[in-house]
C-alpha atoms as a PDB file:
ATOM      1  CA  MET A   1       7.958  22.926 -15.427  1.00  0.00           C
ATOM      2  CA  ARG A   2       7.186  22.014 -19.009  1.00  0.00           C
ATOM      3  CA  ARG A   3       3.744  20.760 -19.858  1.00  0.00           C
ATOM      4  CA  SER A   4       5.017  17.245 -20.664  1.00  0.00           C
ATOM      5  CA  ASP A   5       6.852  17.077 -17.318  1.00  0.00           C
ATOM      6  CA  ALA A   6       3.646  17.966 -15.474  1.00  0.00           C
ATOM      7  CA  THR A   7       1.756  15.370 -17.466  1.00  0.00           C
ATOM      8  CA  ASP A   8       4.352  12.708 -16.660  1.00  0.00           C
ATOM      9  CA  VAL A   9       4.177  13.548 -12.949  1.00  0.00           C
ATOM     10  CA  ARG A  10       0.376  13.385 -13.016  1.00  0.00           C
ATOM     11  CA  LYS A  11       0.418  10.043 -14.859  1.00  0.00           C
ATOM     12  CA  LYS A  12       2.931   8.599 -12.381  1.00  0.00           C
ATOM     13  CA  ASP A  13       0.795   9.783  -9.452  1.00  0.00           C
ATOM     14  CA  THR A  14      -2.341   8.282 -11.000  1.00  0.00           C
ATOM     15  CA  ARG A  15      -0.597   4.954 -11.646  1.00  0.00           C
ATOM     16  CA  GLU A  16       0.638   4.811  -8.045  1.00  0.00           C
ATOM     17  CA  LYS A  17      -2.874   5.436  -6.720  1.00  0.00           C
ATOM     18  CA  ILE A  18      -4.305   2.715  -8.962  1.00  0.00           C
ATOM     19  CA  GLU A  19      -1.675   0.258  -7.701  1.00  0.00           C
ATOM     20  CA  LEU A  20      -2.412   1.157  -4.071  1.00  0.00           C
ATOM     21  CA  GLY A  21      -6.122   0.626  -4.687  1.00  0.00           C
ATOM     22  CA  GLY A  22      -5.272  -2.775  -6.125  1.00  0.00           C
ATOM     23  CA  LEU A  23      -3.568  -3.688  -2.867  1.00  0.00           C
ATOM     24  CA  ILE A  24      -6.750  -2.848  -0.955  1.00  0.00           C
ATOM     25  CA  ALA A  25      -8.735  -5.112  -3.289  1.00  0.00           C
ATOM     26  CA  LYS A  26      -6.132  -7.926  -3.096  1.00  0.00           C
ATOM     27  CA  ALA A  27      -6.319  -7.790   0.710  1.00  0.00           C
ATOM     28  CA  GLY A  28     -10.087  -8.400   0.510  1.00  0.00           C
ATOM     29  CA  LEU A  29     -10.936  -4.941   1.846  1.00  0.00           C
ATOM     30  CA  ARG A  30     -12.587  -3.494  -1.274  1.00  0.00           C
ATOM     31  CA  TYR A  31     -15.976  -2.945   0.339  1.00  0.00           C
ATOM     32  CA  GLU A  32     -14.824  -1.563   3.677  1.00  0.00           C
ATOM     33  CA  LYS A  33     -15.481   2.048   4.549  1.00  0.00           C
ATOM     34  CA  ARG A  34     -12.710   4.516   3.760  1.00  0.00           C
ATOM     35  CA  ALA A  35     -12.484   5.637   7.399  1.00  0.00           C
ATOM     36  CA  LEU A  36     -11.804   2.048   8.469  1.00  0.00           C
ATOM     37  CA  LEU A  37      -9.119   1.603   5.815  1.00  0.00           C
ATOM     38  CA  LEU A  38      -7.419   4.833   6.807  1.00  0.00           C
ATOM     39  CA  GLY A  39      -7.595   3.817  10.470  1.00  0.00           C
ATOM     40  CA  LEU A  40      -5.990   0.459   9.671  1.00  0.00           C
ATOM     41  CA  LEU A  41      -3.168   2.128   7.786  1.00  0.00           C
ATOM     42  CA  ILE A  42      -2.520   4.747  10.461  1.00  0.00           C
ATOM     43  CA  ASP A  43      -2.529   2.073  13.163  1.00  0.00           C
ATOM     44  CA  ALA A  44      -0.121  -0.067  11.143  1.00  0.00           C
ATOM     45  CA  LYS A  45       2.193   2.898  10.618  1.00  0.00           C
ATOM     46  CA  GLU A  46       2.326   3.453  14.386  1.00  0.00           C
ATOM     47  CA  ARG A  47       2.899  -0.246  15.140  1.00  0.00           C
ATOM     48  CA  LEU A  48       5.711  -0.423  12.585  1.00  0.00           C
ATOM     49  CA  ARG A  49       7.592   2.542  13.975  1.00  0.00           C
ATOM     50  CA  GLY A  50      10.779   1.064  15.421  1.00  0.00           C
ATOM     51  CA  ASN A  51       9.429  -2.485  15.378  1.00  0.00           C
ATOM     52  CA  GLU A  52      11.519  -4.464  12.908  1.00  0.00           C
ATOM     53  CA  SER A  53      10.031  -7.836  13.919  1.00  0.00           C
ATOM     54  CA  GLU A  54       6.487  -6.603  13.149  1.00  0.00           C
ATOM     55  CA  ARG A  55       7.691  -5.197   9.827  1.00  0.00           C
ATOM     56  CA  GLU A  56       9.266  -8.554   8.923  1.00  0.00           C
ATOM     57  CA  ARG A  57       6.140 -10.458   9.989  1.00  0.00           C
ATOM     58  CA  LEU A  58       3.909  -8.301   7.807  1.00  0.00           C
ATOM     59  CA  MET A  59       6.366  -8.453   4.893  1.00  0.00           C
ATOM     60  CA  ALA A  60       6.190 -12.260   5.037  1.00  0.00           C
ATOM     61  CA  ILE A  61       2.387 -12.166   4.952  1.00  0.00           C
ATOM     62  CA  GLY A  62       2.438  -9.785   1.985  1.00  0.00           C
ATOM     63  CA  ALA A  63       5.049 -11.767   0.085  1.00  0.00           C
ATOM     64  CA  LYS A  64       3.016 -14.943   0.553  1.00  0.00           C
ATOM     65  CA  ALA A  65      -0.106 -13.171  -0.742  1.00  0.00           C
ATOM     66  CA  PHE A  66       1.841 -12.093  -3.822  1.00  0.00           C
ATOM     67  CA  GLY A  67       2.971 -15.694  -4.283  1.00  0.00           C
ATOM     68  CA  HIS A  68       6.691 -15.221  -3.770  1.00  0.00           C
ATOM     69  CA  GLU A  69       7.753 -15.939  -0.226  1.00  0.00           C
ATOM     70  CA  GLY A  70      10.996 -14.470   1.013  1.00  0.00           C
ATOM     71  CA  LYS A  71      11.040 -11.447  -1.305  1.00  0.00           C
END
C-alpha cells in the first residue's frame, strides 16, 4: 500500500470515529461511562437482530432527532 493510501485510510477511519462520537453527544450520553455505552450498543445490536419492527422504531426516533422524519 502506498503511503498516501494508508494516510487516506487512516483519515477516513478517524473521521468515522469522530462522527460516531458526535452521535453519542447528540443522544445526550456524553458523560456516561464507556462501559455503559458499550453495553447499550451491544444490547441494541442483539435486540435488532431479526427484529425489523424494532429497527424501524429506532430509525424513526433517530430521524426525528436529526430533524428529518421519514428518512
